N, C-alpha and C. Protein backbone atom coordinates (compact mmCIF):
# COMPACT_ATOMS: atom_id res chain seq x y z
N MET A 1 24.88 -9.37 4.90
CA MET A 1 26.20 -9.67 5.26
C MET A 1 27.22 -9.88 4.48
N THR A 2 28.58 -9.49 4.77
CA THR A 2 29.40 -9.67 3.77
C THR A 2 30.22 -10.96 3.76
N ASP A 3 30.79 -11.60 2.78
CA ASP A 3 31.61 -12.74 2.92
C ASP A 3 32.65 -12.86 4.01
N GLU A 4 33.42 -11.57 4.21
CA GLU A 4 34.36 -11.38 5.05
C GLU A 4 33.83 -11.47 6.67
N TYR A 5 32.78 -11.01 6.90
CA TYR A 5 32.16 -11.09 8.18
C TYR A 5 31.90 -12.69 8.50
N LEU A 6 31.18 -13.39 7.49
CA LEU A 6 31.17 -14.64 7.61
C LEU A 6 32.24 -15.61 7.82
N VAL A 7 33.24 -15.10 7.23
CA VAL A 7 34.53 -16.03 7.18
C VAL A 7 35.00 -15.86 8.55
N LYS A 8 34.93 -14.49 9.04
CA LYS A 8 35.52 -14.54 10.59
C LYS A 8 34.65 -15.15 11.60
N LEU A 9 33.29 -15.16 11.20
CA LEU A 9 32.61 -15.90 12.34
C LEU A 9 32.77 -17.43 12.21
N ILE A 10 32.98 -17.97 11.17
CA ILE A 10 33.38 -19.46 10.78
C ILE A 10 34.58 -19.73 11.57
N GLN A 11 35.69 -18.76 11.41
CA GLN A 11 37.10 -19.13 11.83
C GLN A 11 36.87 -19.01 13.49
N ARG A 12 36.05 -18.05 13.81
CA ARG A 12 36.13 -17.90 15.25
C ARG A 12 35.40 -19.02 15.95
N SER A 13 34.38 -19.59 15.30
CA SER A 13 33.65 -20.66 15.81
C SER A 13 34.60 -22.04 15.77
N LEU A 14 35.61 -22.13 14.85
CA LEU A 14 36.41 -23.32 14.76
C LEU A 14 37.53 -23.31 15.81
N ARG A 15 37.60 -22.06 16.45
CA ARG A 15 38.77 -22.12 17.61
C ARG A 15 38.46 -23.19 18.61
N THR A 16 37.39 -23.32 18.94
CA THR A 16 37.06 -24.29 20.15
C THR A 16 36.31 -25.58 19.54
N ASN A 17 36.00 -25.61 18.27
CA ASN A 17 35.21 -26.69 17.50
C ASN A 17 35.75 -27.06 16.36
N THR A 18 37.00 -27.67 16.29
CA THR A 18 37.59 -28.23 15.18
C THR A 18 37.92 -29.65 15.29
N PRO A 19 37.14 -30.62 14.43
CA PRO A 19 37.54 -31.87 14.66
C PRO A 19 38.90 -32.10 14.03
N ASP A 20 39.61 -33.18 14.57
CA ASP A 20 40.82 -33.46 14.11
C ASP A 20 41.04 -33.80 12.44
N SER A 21 39.92 -34.30 12.06
CA SER A 21 39.94 -34.74 10.68
C SER A 21 39.37 -33.71 9.41
N LEU A 22 39.13 -32.49 10.23
CA LEU A 22 38.35 -31.50 9.43
C LEU A 22 39.55 -30.87 8.44
N LEU A 23 39.07 -30.83 7.25
CA LEU A 23 40.27 -30.07 6.13
C LEU A 23 39.89 -28.87 5.81
N GLU A 24 38.48 -28.57 5.38
CA GLU A 24 38.06 -27.39 4.88
C GLU A 24 36.68 -27.16 5.36
N VAL A 25 36.35 -25.75 5.54
CA VAL A 25 34.83 -25.49 5.56
C VAL A 25 34.52 -24.49 4.56
N ARG A 26 33.67 -24.71 3.66
CA ARG A 26 33.19 -24.01 2.62
C ARG A 26 31.80 -23.39 2.80
N PHE A 27 31.40 -22.46 2.21
CA PHE A 27 29.95 -21.83 2.47
C PHE A 27 29.55 -21.07 1.24
N LYS A 28 28.19 -21.09 1.22
CA LYS A 28 27.31 -20.36 0.27
C LYS A 28 26.55 -19.12 1.14
N ASN A 29 26.83 -17.98 0.86
CA ASN A 29 26.31 -16.75 1.57
C ASN A 29 24.74 -16.65 1.16
N GLY A 30 24.09 -16.00 2.04
CA GLY A 30 22.50 -15.70 1.76
C GLY A 30 21.75 -15.90 3.10
N THR A 31 20.48 -15.68 3.18
CA THR A 31 19.93 -15.65 4.41
C THR A 31 19.52 -17.26 4.84
N HIS A 32 19.79 -18.06 3.91
CA HIS A 32 19.84 -19.39 4.01
C HIS A 32 21.28 -19.89 3.85
N LEU A 33 21.95 -20.00 4.89
CA LEU A 33 23.53 -20.43 4.65
C LEU A 33 23.59 -21.86 4.40
N ARG A 34 24.61 -22.12 3.64
CA ARG A 34 24.89 -23.64 3.33
C ARG A 34 26.23 -23.93 3.47
N PHE A 35 26.65 -24.85 4.42
CA PHE A 35 27.98 -25.15 4.82
C PHE A 35 28.43 -26.42 4.33
N GLU A 36 29.60 -26.60 4.07
CA GLU A 36 30.23 -27.90 3.66
C GLU A 36 31.47 -28.11 4.43
N PHE A 37 31.46 -29.12 5.49
CA PHE A 37 32.41 -29.44 6.35
C PHE A 37 33.14 -30.65 5.76
N VAL A 38 34.53 -30.39 5.14
CA VAL A 38 35.18 -31.42 4.24
C VAL A 38 36.26 -31.95 5.30
N PHE A 39 35.99 -33.39 5.16
CA PHE A 39 36.93 -34.29 6.00
C PHE A 39 37.69 -35.10 5.36
N GLU A 40 38.73 -35.45 5.99
CA GLU A 40 39.77 -36.25 5.37
C GLU A 40 39.37 -37.88 5.77
N GLY A 41 38.73 -38.42 4.72
CA GLY A 41 38.12 -39.60 4.85
C GLY A 41 36.63 -39.57 5.48
N PRO A 42 36.19 -40.85 5.84
CA PRO A 42 34.61 -40.78 6.62
C PRO A 42 34.80 -40.05 7.96
N THR A 43 33.42 -39.52 7.89
CA THR A 43 33.49 -38.81 9.16
C THR A 43 32.69 -39.67 10.26
N SER A 44 33.18 -39.37 11.51
CA SER A 44 32.77 -40.20 12.62
C SER A 44 31.50 -39.26 13.24
N ALA A 45 30.82 -39.86 14.10
CA ALA A 45 29.58 -39.11 14.75
C ALA A 45 30.17 -38.13 15.70
N ASP A 46 31.50 -38.12 16.33
CA ASP A 46 32.11 -36.95 17.20
C ASP A 46 32.32 -35.93 16.23
N ASP A 47 32.83 -36.30 15.14
CA ASP A 47 33.40 -35.21 14.08
C ASP A 47 31.98 -34.37 13.72
N MET A 48 30.80 -35.13 13.26
CA MET A 48 29.89 -34.31 12.85
C MET A 48 29.31 -33.58 14.15
N GLU A 49 29.26 -33.94 15.15
CA GLU A 49 28.81 -33.37 16.32
C GLU A 49 29.56 -31.92 16.81
N THR A 50 30.96 -32.28 16.70
CA THR A 50 31.62 -30.99 16.67
C THR A 50 31.55 -29.99 15.74
N ALA A 51 31.49 -30.43 14.47
CA ALA A 51 31.03 -29.54 13.36
C ALA A 51 29.57 -28.86 13.58
N SER A 52 28.76 -29.46 14.10
CA SER A 52 27.41 -28.90 14.40
C SER A 52 27.44 -27.84 15.38
N CYS A 53 28.32 -28.18 16.42
CA CYS A 53 28.61 -26.94 17.44
C CYS A 53 29.10 -25.80 16.78
N ALA A 54 30.08 -25.94 15.83
CA ALA A 54 30.69 -24.73 15.24
C ALA A 54 29.76 -23.97 14.25
N GLU A 55 28.55 -24.69 13.68
CA GLU A 55 27.59 -24.13 12.95
C GLU A 55 26.71 -23.50 13.98
N THR A 56 26.44 -23.94 14.96
CA THR A 56 25.52 -23.22 16.04
C THR A 56 26.14 -21.93 16.46
N GLU A 57 27.22 -22.02 16.82
CA GLU A 57 28.04 -20.69 17.24
C GLU A 57 27.97 -19.77 15.96
N ILE A 58 28.19 -20.24 14.77
CA ILE A 58 28.07 -19.23 13.61
C ILE A 58 26.79 -18.40 13.57
N LEU A 59 25.62 -19.34 13.67
CA LEU A 59 24.28 -18.83 13.61
C LEU A 59 24.13 -17.98 14.91
N ALA A 60 24.49 -18.12 16.14
CA ALA A 60 24.50 -17.41 17.18
C ALA A 60 25.04 -15.85 16.96
N GLY A 61 25.87 -15.74 16.04
CA GLY A 61 26.29 -14.47 15.70
C GLY A 61 25.68 -13.68 14.70
N LEU A 62 24.59 -14.32 14.26
CA LEU A 62 23.79 -13.66 13.35
C LEU A 62 22.43 -13.14 13.62
N TYR A 63 21.79 -12.53 12.88
CA TYR A 63 20.38 -12.12 13.11
C TYR A 63 19.45 -13.30 13.24
N PRO A 64 18.26 -13.42 13.78
CA PRO A 64 17.39 -14.50 13.99
C PRO A 64 16.85 -15.17 12.72
N GLU A 65 17.04 -14.09 11.77
CA GLU A 65 16.18 -14.83 10.30
C GLU A 65 17.12 -15.62 9.43
N PHE A 66 18.31 -15.83 10.08
CA PHE A 66 19.21 -16.47 9.36
C PHE A 66 19.00 -18.21 9.56
N THR A 67 19.08 -18.86 8.53
CA THR A 67 18.93 -20.47 8.70
C THR A 67 20.15 -21.02 8.00
N SER A 68 20.27 -22.39 8.33
CA SER A 68 21.35 -23.10 7.72
C SER A 68 21.24 -24.39 7.35
N GLU A 69 21.88 -25.06 6.60
CA GLU A 69 21.98 -26.52 6.43
C GLU A 69 23.60 -26.99 6.24
N SER A 70 23.75 -28.00 6.61
CA SER A 70 25.32 -28.50 6.33
C SER A 70 25.41 -29.89 5.71
N ARG A 71 26.17 -30.10 5.04
CA ARG A 71 26.80 -31.20 4.52
C ARG A 71 28.20 -31.67 5.08
N PHE A 72 28.35 -33.00 5.42
CA PHE A 72 29.60 -33.52 6.00
C PHE A 72 30.00 -34.37 5.01
N ILE A 73 31.08 -34.02 4.41
CA ILE A 73 31.50 -34.87 3.14
C ILE A 73 33.16 -35.18 3.28
N GLU A 74 33.42 -36.14 2.37
CA GLU A 74 34.86 -36.46 2.28
C GLU A 74 35.56 -35.59 1.21
N THR A 75 36.78 -35.38 0.99
CA THR A 75 37.45 -34.54 0.29
C THR A 75 37.14 -34.72 -1.09
N SER A 76 36.83 -35.83 -1.82
CA SER A 76 36.70 -35.71 -2.94
C SER A 76 35.35 -35.17 -3.43
N ASP A 77 34.48 -35.23 -2.57
CA ASP A 77 32.90 -34.61 -2.78
C ASP A 77 32.79 -33.10 -2.65
N ALA A 78 33.87 -32.48 -2.33
CA ALA A 78 33.76 -30.97 -2.19
C ALA A 78 33.06 -30.33 -3.55
N SER A 79 32.26 -29.42 -3.10
CA SER A 79 31.76 -28.57 -4.26
C SER A 79 32.51 -27.37 -4.61
N ALA A 80 32.96 -27.10 -5.88
CA ALA A 80 33.62 -26.29 -6.34
C ALA A 80 33.08 -24.77 -6.24
N ASP A 81 31.81 -24.74 -6.24
CA ASP A 81 30.95 -23.43 -6.36
C ASP A 81 30.69 -22.80 -4.90
N TYR A 82 31.18 -23.41 -3.76
CA TYR A 82 31.25 -22.85 -2.53
C TYR A 82 32.43 -22.17 -2.07
N GLN A 83 32.29 -20.92 -1.33
CA GLN A 83 33.50 -20.29 -0.98
C GLN A 83 34.40 -20.91 0.26
N LEU A 84 35.60 -20.73 0.07
CA LEU A 84 36.52 -21.48 1.13
C LEU A 84 36.47 -20.50 2.47
N ALA A 85 36.30 -21.03 3.52
CA ALA A 85 36.43 -20.16 4.78
C ALA A 85 37.57 -20.51 5.76
N PHE A 86 37.95 -22.03 5.65
CA PHE A 86 38.74 -22.39 6.42
C PHE A 86 39.60 -23.44 5.85
N GLN A 87 40.79 -23.69 6.01
CA GLN A 87 41.68 -24.79 5.37
C GLN A 87 42.79 -24.89 6.30
N ARG A 88 42.85 -26.37 7.01
CA ARG A 88 43.75 -26.83 7.59
C ARG A 88 45.21 -26.90 6.83
N SER A 89 46.23 -26.37 7.57
CA SER A 89 47.36 -26.07 6.72
C SER A 89 48.36 -27.26 7.11
């Protein structure tokens, strides 16, 4: 799977599942996808639930052998080695 295809899946899933405090979504590609949902300040339970719904939609657009894990983090904790897929303007 190409990074461009994954970016499109992520952006499409966020059309209906974007928490207000979400700043960025970053990822590492592979059959085990890694997502970082970067929030402005501490995350609420509602923010994490909405981001989890977006992650479920992303996986639904892929083959069954894909798995994922997510981190819900504050701005200062974002990993530099993840690729950017979404950034609030």
